[in-house]
Protein backbone atom coordinates (compact mmCIF):
# COMPACT_ATOMS: atom_id res chain seq x y z
CA MET A 1 72.14 52.37 81.87
CA GLN A 2 74.94 53.82 80.95
CA GLU A 3 78.01 51.95 78.97
CA GLN A 4 80.21 54.05 79.87
CA THR A 5 83.21 53.46 81.96
CA PRO A 6 83.71 55.80 84.38
CA LEU A 7 87.65 57.43 84.19
CA TYR A 8 88.04 57.51 87.72
CA PRO A 9 88.12 55.28 90.92
CA THR A 10 84.22 55.35 91.64
CA ILE A 11 81.94 56.65 94.79
CA ARG A 12 78.68 54.94 94.68
CA LEU A 13 75.55 56.64 96.44
CA LEU A 14 72.98 55.25 98.04
CA ARG A 15 69.67 54.14 96.21
CA GLY A 16 67.62 57.43 96.48
CA LYS A 17 70.37 59.77 97.75
CA ASP A 18 70.92 60.96 93.62
CA GLU A 19 68.44 63.23 93.64
CA ALA A 20 70.27 66.52 94.76
CA VAL A 21 72.68 65.61 92.10
CA ARG A 22 70.38 65.04 89.36
CA ARG A 23 69.63 68.50 90.22
CA PHE A 24 72.83 69.71 89.51
CA HIS A 25 73.68 70.32 93.01
CA PRO A 26 77.56 70.50 93.41
CA TRP A 27 77.78 69.46 97.10
CA ILE A 28 77.36 65.81 98.14
CA PHE A 29 77.30 65.17 101.80
CA SER A 30 79.06 61.64 103.28
CA GLY A 31 75.30 60.43 104.42
CA ALA A 32 74.13 60.10 100.99
CA ILE A 33 77.62 57.57 100.44
CA HIS A 34 77.03 53.78 99.87
CA SER A 35 80.50 52.99 98.96
CA ALA A 36 83.98 54.01 97.94
CA ALA A 37 86.79 52.46 95.92
CA ASP A 38 89.86 51.30 98.53
CA GLY A 39 92.40 54.15 99.63
CA LEU A 40 90.60 57.07 98.19
CA GLN A 41 91.91 60.24 100.26
CA ALA A 42 90.98 63.97 100.06
CA GLY A 43 91.94 65.78 96.81
CA ASP A 44 91.16 62.18 94.40
CA THR A 45 89.36 62.79 91.79
CA VAL A 46 86.38 60.45 91.73
CA THR A 47 83.41 59.39 89.37
CA VAL A 48 79.89 59.91 91.32
CA THR A 49 77.87 56.87 90.77
CA ASP A 50 73.51 56.28 91.35
CA TYR A 51 73.56 53.04 93.21
CA ASP A 52 72.95 51.48 89.91
CA GLY A 53 76.05 51.97 88.58
CA ASN A 54 74.79 55.22 86.36
CA ILE A 55 77.51 57.89 85.56
CA LEU A 56 76.11 60.90 87.76
CA GLY A 57 79.45 63.40 86.98
CA THR A 58 83.17 63.99 87.93
CA GLY A 59 84.19 65.30 91.47
CA PHE A 60 86.80 66.00 94.23
CA CYS A 61 86.79 64.48 96.77
CA GLU A 62 86.63 66.16 100.57
CA SER A 63 87.79 65.10 104.01
CA ASP A 64 84.46 66.90 105.60
CA SER A 65 80.78 66.44 105.81
CA ILE A 66 80.89 67.81 102.26
CA ALA A 67 82.52 64.23 100.54
CA VAL A 68 82.83 65.19 96.73
CA LYS A 69 82.20 68.51 95.30
CA MET A 70 81.29 68.33 91.66
CA LEU A 71 82.80 69.62 88.87
CA CYS A 72 81.04 67.99 86.24
CA PHE A 73 77.68 66.00 85.63
CA ASP A 74 79.11 63.61 83.44
CA ASN A 75 81.76 61.40 82.62
CA CYS A 76 84.55 63.95 82.23
CA LYS A 77 88.34 64.29 82.23
CA ILE A 78 89.81 67.14 84.56
CA ASP A 79 92.88 68.18 83.28
CA GLU A 80 94.03 72.02 81.75
CA TRP A 81 91.50 71.39 79.09
CA PHE A 82 89.01 71.41 81.09
CA PHE A 83 90.07 73.63 83.37
CA LEU A 84 90.89 76.32 79.96
CA ASP A 85 87.07 75.52 78.89
CA ARG A 86 85.72 76.73 82.33
CA LEU A 87 87.81 79.67 82.23
CA ASN A 88 87.35 80.68 78.97
CA HIS A 89 83.27 80.18 79.78
CA ALA A 90 83.91 82.29 83.08
CA LEU A 91 85.35 85.19 80.54
CA GLU A 92 83.02 85.82 78.66
CA VAL A 93 80.42 86.22 81.46
CA ARG A 94 82.76 89.26 82.83
CA LYS A 95 83.30 90.75 79.09
CA ILE A 96 79.63 90.93 79.21
CA MET A 97 79.88 92.62 82.48
CA GLY A 98 82.30 95.22 80.64
CA LEU A 99 84.84 94.62 82.91
CA VAL A 100 87.41 92.88 80.58
CA ASN A 101 90.21 95.98 79.22
CA ASN A 102 87.97 98.45 81.33
CA PRO A 103 90.13 101.72 81.53
CA HIS A 104 88.24 102.93 85.00
CA THR A 105 88.48 99.37 86.84
CA ASN A 106 91.12 96.78 85.79
CA CYS A 107 90.12 94.44 89.05
CA TYR A 108 87.28 91.84 89.37
CA ARG A 109 86.63 87.89 89.90
CA LEU A 110 87.12 85.86 87.25
CA VAL A 111 86.37 82.53 88.88
CA HIS A 112 83.70 82.10 91.88
CA SER A 113 84.14 78.77 92.69
CA GLU A 114 80.63 76.78 92.42
CA GLY A 115 79.31 80.06 90.96
CA ASP A 116 81.29 78.94 87.71
CA GLY A 117 81.73 75.39 87.99
CA LEU A 118 84.80 75.31 89.94
CA ALA A 119 84.36 74.36 93.26
CA GLY A 120 86.84 74.83 95.50
CA LEU A 121 88.59 77.32 93.05
CA ILE A 122 89.08 81.38 93.62
CA VAL A 123 90.48 83.58 90.61
CA ASP A 124 91.28 87.42 90.90
CA ILE A 125 92.80 89.68 88.61
CA TYR A 126 94.67 92.69 90.04
CA GLY A 127 95.87 94.15 86.44
CA HIS A 128 98.84 91.85 85.10
CA THR A 129 98.16 89.90 87.86
CA ALA A 130 95.93 86.48 88.72
CA VAL A 131 95.92 85.44 92.36
CA VAL A 132 94.37 82.19 92.44
CA GLN A 133 93.00 80.52 95.92
CA ALA A 134 92.87 76.69 96.06
CA GLN A 135 89.60 76.20 98.54
CA THR A 136 89.55 72.35 98.35
CA GLU A 137 92.50 69.61 98.26
CA GLY A 138 91.66 68.73 94.58
CA MET A 139 92.15 72.54 93.47
CA ALA A 140 95.44 72.50 95.18
CA LEU A 141 96.61 69.24 93.26
CA HIS A 142 95.56 70.72 90.10
CA LEU A 143 96.91 74.51 90.57
CA ASN A 144 99.78 73.55 87.79
CA GLU A 145 97.17 72.49 85.02
CA ILE A 146 95.22 75.59 86.19
CA VAL A 147 97.91 77.99 85.94
CA ARG A 148 99.07 76.41 82.75
CA ALA A 149 95.28 77.51 81.19
CA LEU A 150 95.73 80.98 82.42
CA LYS A 151 98.87 81.18 80.22
CA LEU A 152 96.64 80.00 77.32
CA MET A 153 94.14 83.35 77.62
CA PRO A 154 95.48 86.42 75.69
CA ASP A 155 92.72 88.13 76.67
CA LEU A 156 93.97 88.58 80.43
CA GLY A 157 97.13 89.70 79.44
CA LEU A 158 98.85 87.91 82.35
CA GLN A 159 102.47 88.41 83.57
CA ALA A 160 102.42 87.11 87.25
CA VAL A 161 100.09 84.56 89.26
CA TYR A 162 100.50 84.46 93.21
CA ASN A 163 99.28 81.30 94.94
CA LYS A 164 97.19 82.63 98.18
CA SER A 165 96.18 79.67 99.03
CA ALA A 166 98.17 78.34 102.35
CA GLU A 167 95.43 79.82 104.50
CA ALA A 168 92.71 77.78 103.51
CA MET A 169 94.72 74.42 103.63
CA GLN A 170 95.84 75.63 106.66
CA ARG A 171 92.23 75.93 107.96
CA MET A 172 91.72 72.30 106.61
CA GLY A 173 94.35 70.57 108.49
CA LYS A 174 96.44 70.63 105.58
CA ASP A 175 99.42 72.30 105.95
CA ASP A 176 101.56 70.31 104.40
CA VAL A 177 99.50 70.15 101.06
CA ILE A 178 101.01 73.55 99.17
CA ASP A 179 102.61 76.77 100.28
CA ASP A 180 102.09 80.79 99.09
CA GLY A 181 104.33 82.00 96.34
CA TYR A 182 104.48 83.01 92.34
CA LEU A 183 103.45 80.32 90.25
CA LEU A 184 104.13 82.53 86.80
CA GLY A 185 106.32 85.56 86.59
CA ASN A 186 107.78 87.38 89.59
CA PRO A 187 105.98 90.34 91.88
CA LEU A 188 104.55 93.65 90.06
CA ASP A 189 103.97 96.84 91.82
CA GLU A 190 100.47 96.51 90.90
CA LEU A 191 98.40 99.84 91.38
CA ILE A 192 95.06 98.32 90.69
CA LEU A 193 91.68 100.88 89.75
CA GLU A 194 88.06 100.75 91.15
CA ASN A 195 85.67 103.53 89.29
CA ASP A 196 89.10 105.38 88.51
CA SER A 197 89.52 104.79 92.60
CA LYS A 198 93.87 103.88 92.76
CA PHE A 199 94.20 100.91 95.59
CA HIS A 200 97.75 99.15 96.61
CA PRO A 201 95.83 95.49 96.66
CA ASN A 202 98.52 93.52 99.30
CA TRP A 203 97.80 89.33 98.11
CA GLU A 204 100.70 88.08 100.20
CA GLU A 205 99.74 89.64 103.79
CA GLY A 206 96.15 90.60 103.33
CA GLN A 207 92.99 89.12 103.66
CA LYS A 208 91.15 87.39 100.92
CA THR A 209 93.36 87.65 97.52
CA GLY A 210 94.06 90.95 99.17
CA PHE A 211 91.05 93.85 98.56
CA PHE A 212 87.28 92.99 99.07
CA LEU A 213 86.51 92.84 95.19
CA ASP A 214 83.06 91.94 96.29
CA GLN A 215 81.53 95.33 97.82
CA ARG A 216 82.68 97.41 94.26
CA GLU A 217 79.09 97.89 93.36
CA ASN A 218 77.81 99.22 97.04
CA ARG A 219 81.80 101.20 97.07
CA ASN A 220 80.38 102.85 94.36
CA LEU A 221 76.78 103.35 95.38
CA VAL A 222 77.84 105.20 98.76
CA ARG A 223 79.88 107.43 96.09
CA GLN A 224 76.79 108.61 94.87
CA MET A 225 75.43 109.05 98.23
CA ALA A 226 78.39 110.20 100.26
CA GLN A 227 78.09 114.34 98.82
CA GLY A 228 78.28 116.91 101.59
CA LYS A 229 78.59 113.32 104.50
CA THR A 230 80.50 112.90 107.77
CA VAL A 231 80.88 109.15 107.07
CA LEU A 232 82.33 106.41 108.99
CA ASN A 233 83.85 103.09 108.16
CA ALA A 234 83.64 100.88 110.41
CA PHE A 235 85.89 97.17 109.64
CA GLY A 236 87.32 99.44 107.64
CA TYR A 237 89.96 97.33 106.58
CA THR A 238 92.29 99.00 103.86
CA GLY A 239 89.97 101.92 103.36
CA GLY A 240 88.16 100.73 100.25
CA PHE A 241 84.62 102.51 101.17
CA SER A 242 86.53 105.85 102.60
CA VAL A 243 88.21 106.15 99.62
CA THR A 244 84.62 105.98 97.36
CA ALA A 245 83.08 107.94 99.84
CA LEU A 246 85.56 110.52 99.59
CA LYS A 247 85.86 110.58 95.31
CA GLY A 248 81.29 110.92 96.21
CA GLY A 249 82.16 114.87 98.07
CA ALA A 250 82.15 113.17 101.21
CA ARG A 251 83.27 115.85 104.33
CA ARG A 252 85.40 113.54 105.91
CA ALA A 253 85.76 109.78 106.35
CA VAL A 254 86.86 107.88 109.47
CA THR A 255 88.30 104.78 109.01
CA VAL A 256 88.15 102.13 112.08
CA ASP A 257 89.66 98.73 112.13
CA ALA A 258 91.65 96.55 114.65
CA SER A 259 94.11 95.71 112.67
CA LYS A 260 97.43 98.21 112.59
CA LYS A 261 98.29 96.66 109.41
CA ALA A 262 95.20 97.73 107.47
CA MET A 263 95.16 100.67 109.25
CA ALA A 264 98.19 101.95 107.59
CA GLU A 265 97.31 100.74 103.73
CA ALA A 266 94.42 102.67 104.61
CA GLU A 267 96.25 105.51 105.35
CA ARG A 268 98.22 105.18 102.21
CA ASN A 269 95.46 104.43 99.95
CA LEU A 270 93.58 107.60 100.80
CA GLU A 271 97.37 109.54 100.17
CA LEU A 272 97.28 107.85 96.86
CA ASN A 273 94.18 109.28 95.74
CA GLY A 274 95.33 112.98 97.27
CA TYR A 275 93.13 113.25 100.85
CA SER A 276 94.78 113.87 104.03
CA LYS A 277 95.37 111.00 106.10
CA GLU A 278 95.33 113.51 108.88
CA GLU A 279 91.71 114.96 108.22
CA ASN A 280 90.67 111.66 107.51
CA PRO A 281 91.86 109.64 110.25
CA CYS A 282 92.40 105.45 110.62
CA HIS A 283 92.21 104.16 113.87
CA VAL A 284 92.87 101.27 115.12
CA ALA A 285 89.87 99.97 117.68
CA ASP A 286 87.82 97.49 118.30
CA MET A 287 84.37 98.34 116.81
CA LYS A 288 82.36 97.33 119.27
CA ASP A 289 83.92 99.53 121.79
CA TYR A 290 84.03 101.95 119.31
CA VAL A 291 80.70 102.20 118.60
CA LYS A 292 79.33 102.28 121.97
CA ASP A 293 81.63 105.68 123.00
CA MET A 294 80.82 107.10 119.41
CA ARG A 295 78.96 110.67 119.95
CA GLU A 296 75.39 110.45 118.91
CA GLY A 297 74.63 112.34 114.93
CA ALA A 298 78.62 112.68 114.97
CA PHE A 299 78.44 110.72 111.41
CA ASP A 300 75.19 110.75 108.85
CA LEU A 301 76.85 108.00 106.87
CA ILE A 302 78.56 104.92 108.62
CA ILE A 303 79.41 101.67 106.69
CA LEU A 304 78.76 98.42 108.76
CA ASP A 305 80.81 95.45 107.47
CA PRO A 306 82.22 93.22 109.50
CA PRO A 307 83.72 90.08 109.22
CA ALA A 308 81.76 86.76 109.45
CA PHE A 309 80.26 86.62 112.61
CA ALA A 310 79.09 83.12 112.19
CA LYS A 311 80.90 80.65 109.59
CA ARG A 312 79.30 77.91 110.93
CA HIS A 313 76.27 77.10 111.73
CA GLN A 314 77.00 76.34 115.16
CA ASP A 315 78.38 80.41 115.64
CA LYS A 316 74.93 81.75 114.50
CA HIS A 317 73.70 82.54 118.08
CA ARG A 318 77.19 84.50 118.72
CA GLY A 319 77.39 86.33 115.60
CA LEU A 320 73.62 87.08 115.58
CA SER A 321 74.11 88.65 118.71
CA GLY A 322 77.33 90.99 117.37
CA TYR A 323 75.33 91.37 113.86
CA LYS A 324 72.38 92.90 116.41
CA PHE A 325 74.48 95.09 119.09
CA LEU A 326 76.14 97.21 116.40
CA ASN A 327 73.34 97.63 114.38
CA MET A 328 71.70 98.80 117.52
CA GLU A 329 74.19 101.43 118.43
CA ALA A 330 74.42 102.18 115.08
CA ILE A 331 71.10 102.91 114.43
CA LYS A 332 70.98 104.62 117.88
CA ARG A 333 74.18 107.08 117.02
CA ILE A 334 73.49 108.21 113.28
CA ALA A 335 72.76 111.27 112.87
CA LYS A 336 68.86 112.38 111.70
CA GLY A 337 68.65 111.77 107.79
CA GLY A 338 71.35 109.33 108.23
CA LEU A 339 71.74 105.93 105.81
CA LEU A 340 73.20 102.93 107.41
CA PHE A 341 74.63 100.57 104.97
CA THR A 342 75.37 97.16 107.38
CA PHE A 343 76.53 94.14 106.03
CA SER A 344 76.89 90.38 106.73
CA CYS A 345 79.15 87.91 105.07
CA SER A 346 78.26 84.61 107.02
CA GLN A 347 77.01 81.89 105.07
CA ALA A 348 75.30 80.54 107.71
CA VAL A 349 72.97 83.59 107.76
CA ASP A 350 70.79 83.74 105.39
CA LYS A 351 68.77 87.24 103.91
CA ALA A 352 65.50 87.21 105.67
CA THR A 353 67.71 86.34 109.23
CA PHE A 354 69.77 89.28 108.60
CA GLN A 355 67.08 91.77 107.88
CA GLY A 356 65.31 90.29 111.12
CA ILE A 357 68.11 90.64 113.06
CA VAL A 358 68.49 94.45 112.44
CA THR A 359 64.80 95.18 112.94
CA ALA A 360 65.38 94.01 116.20
CA ALA A 361 67.78 96.26 116.49
CA ALA A 362 66.08 98.93 115.11
CA ILE A 363 63.30 98.36 117.79
CA GLU A 364 65.96 98.58 120.80
CA ALA A 365 67.01 101.68 118.99
CA LYS A 366 63.63 102.84 119.37
CA ARG A 367 64.56 104.90 115.63
CA ASN A 368 62.30 105.23 112.72
CA VAL A 369 63.87 102.96 110.32
CA ARG A 370 63.19 102.68 106.24
CA ILE A 371 64.84 100.16 104.01
CA VAL A 372 65.89 102.04 100.96
CA ASP A 373 67.92 99.63 99.27
CA GLN A 374 68.88 95.43 99.44
CA LEU A 375 72.16 95.09 98.56
CA SER A 376 74.60 91.84 97.42
CA GLN A 377 77.12 90.68 95.81
CA PRO A 378 78.07 91.91 92.31
CA ALA A 379 77.98 89.86 89.30
CA ASP A 380 81.49 88.64 89.15
CA HIS A 381 80.46 86.45 92.27
CA PRO A 382 77.88 84.80 90.25
CA ILE A 383 75.47 82.38 92.59
CA ASN A 384 74.89 79.20 91.12
CA ILE A 385 71.46 78.41 90.67
CA PHE A 386 71.51 74.82 91.64
CA HIS A 387 73.61 76.31 94.87
CA PRO A 388 71.53 78.99 96.29
CA GLU A 389 74.57 78.38 99.17
CA GLY A 390 76.60 80.98 96.89
CA ALA A 391 74.63 84.26 98.34
CA TYR A 392 76.79 85.22 101.15
CA LEU A 393 76.73 88.96 100.71
CA LYS A 394 73.78 90.29 102.18
CA GLY A 395 73.20 94.19 103.16
CA LEU A 396 70.82 96.26 103.26
CA LEU A 397 70.87 100.57 103.09
CA LEU A 398 68.56 102.04 105.87
CA TYR A 399 67.43 105.52 106.22
CA VAL A 400 67.24 106.77 109.72
CA GLU A 401 64.63 109.17 110.86
């Protein structure tokens, strides 16, 4: 038995319910808990023990069915130096990927939650600005230590840190935990580069942390295949796929999104890269309506990158219906010999299920379809091998005869 004294109030697991933690899975569900110290609240740091009192690790209390998200699997102190160590490890991985001080790409994800051993924390780098997003109360309560740790990392060259946590807190019913705003420095007019394409990220008002960094490699693949093609960028947000398709020699790129604000940003990004918004229109429209009215053969290359249709397992059936409808209409209407990039970012929909629903869509569309590539999230969105749930982005590249 361990002789260590727990550093934090303890949560004791039921006998036989410690197997997942011993396999380094970072989630502990409420049903595995035998007892907890009095007065614990969401966000508190706790020491987790097995039934016999042996220390299994340290984590943050949560208020959902996931009762604890683990940060380490020993009796460790969670402070500025803990965060600095984890951040430096994450940075070393990004250096190996060639993303740090890259003259062609100055935006990347530094911390990807469980994938980097910091469950509930996102840190994205946009030039000289870091955008942090606490997705749990525990991380929200430690943002000051995280920012101090970021300041101690000279390789990042940070001049500003923006907090983009309020939306995540509101979803959890924690409106009073934290507000968005600058935790370090002042607003910078950051121009980001992604494989030499230029973009203006909008972390203050935009989705996620301001840009969909997880599609970087897939955008580059579109660029490689877009020569001479007419492209539809569905759910196009701020036009990332459109710009990169045009960089690859596409004849024309049409961007569609339901957000008027996003389409204004897409037009801005097109012009920033020297492309005409008149020749490459951005339409404010519901994609489900747009795809039904789309002329057959109008597009040689289509990107379907919808928001998560099934964020929770109870939404799965409705979400799968949405994916099937969109893919069926796209397969039915794409030009002969067309390429369809189709994605799902729903964690509740696994890779096999997504491929199955796209197969069903192809059957109903009555077209011959080949899978020519299987797509995923990039290496700066790593998947913890002990936490396969982190593989959220799934994609297929289809060739439609």
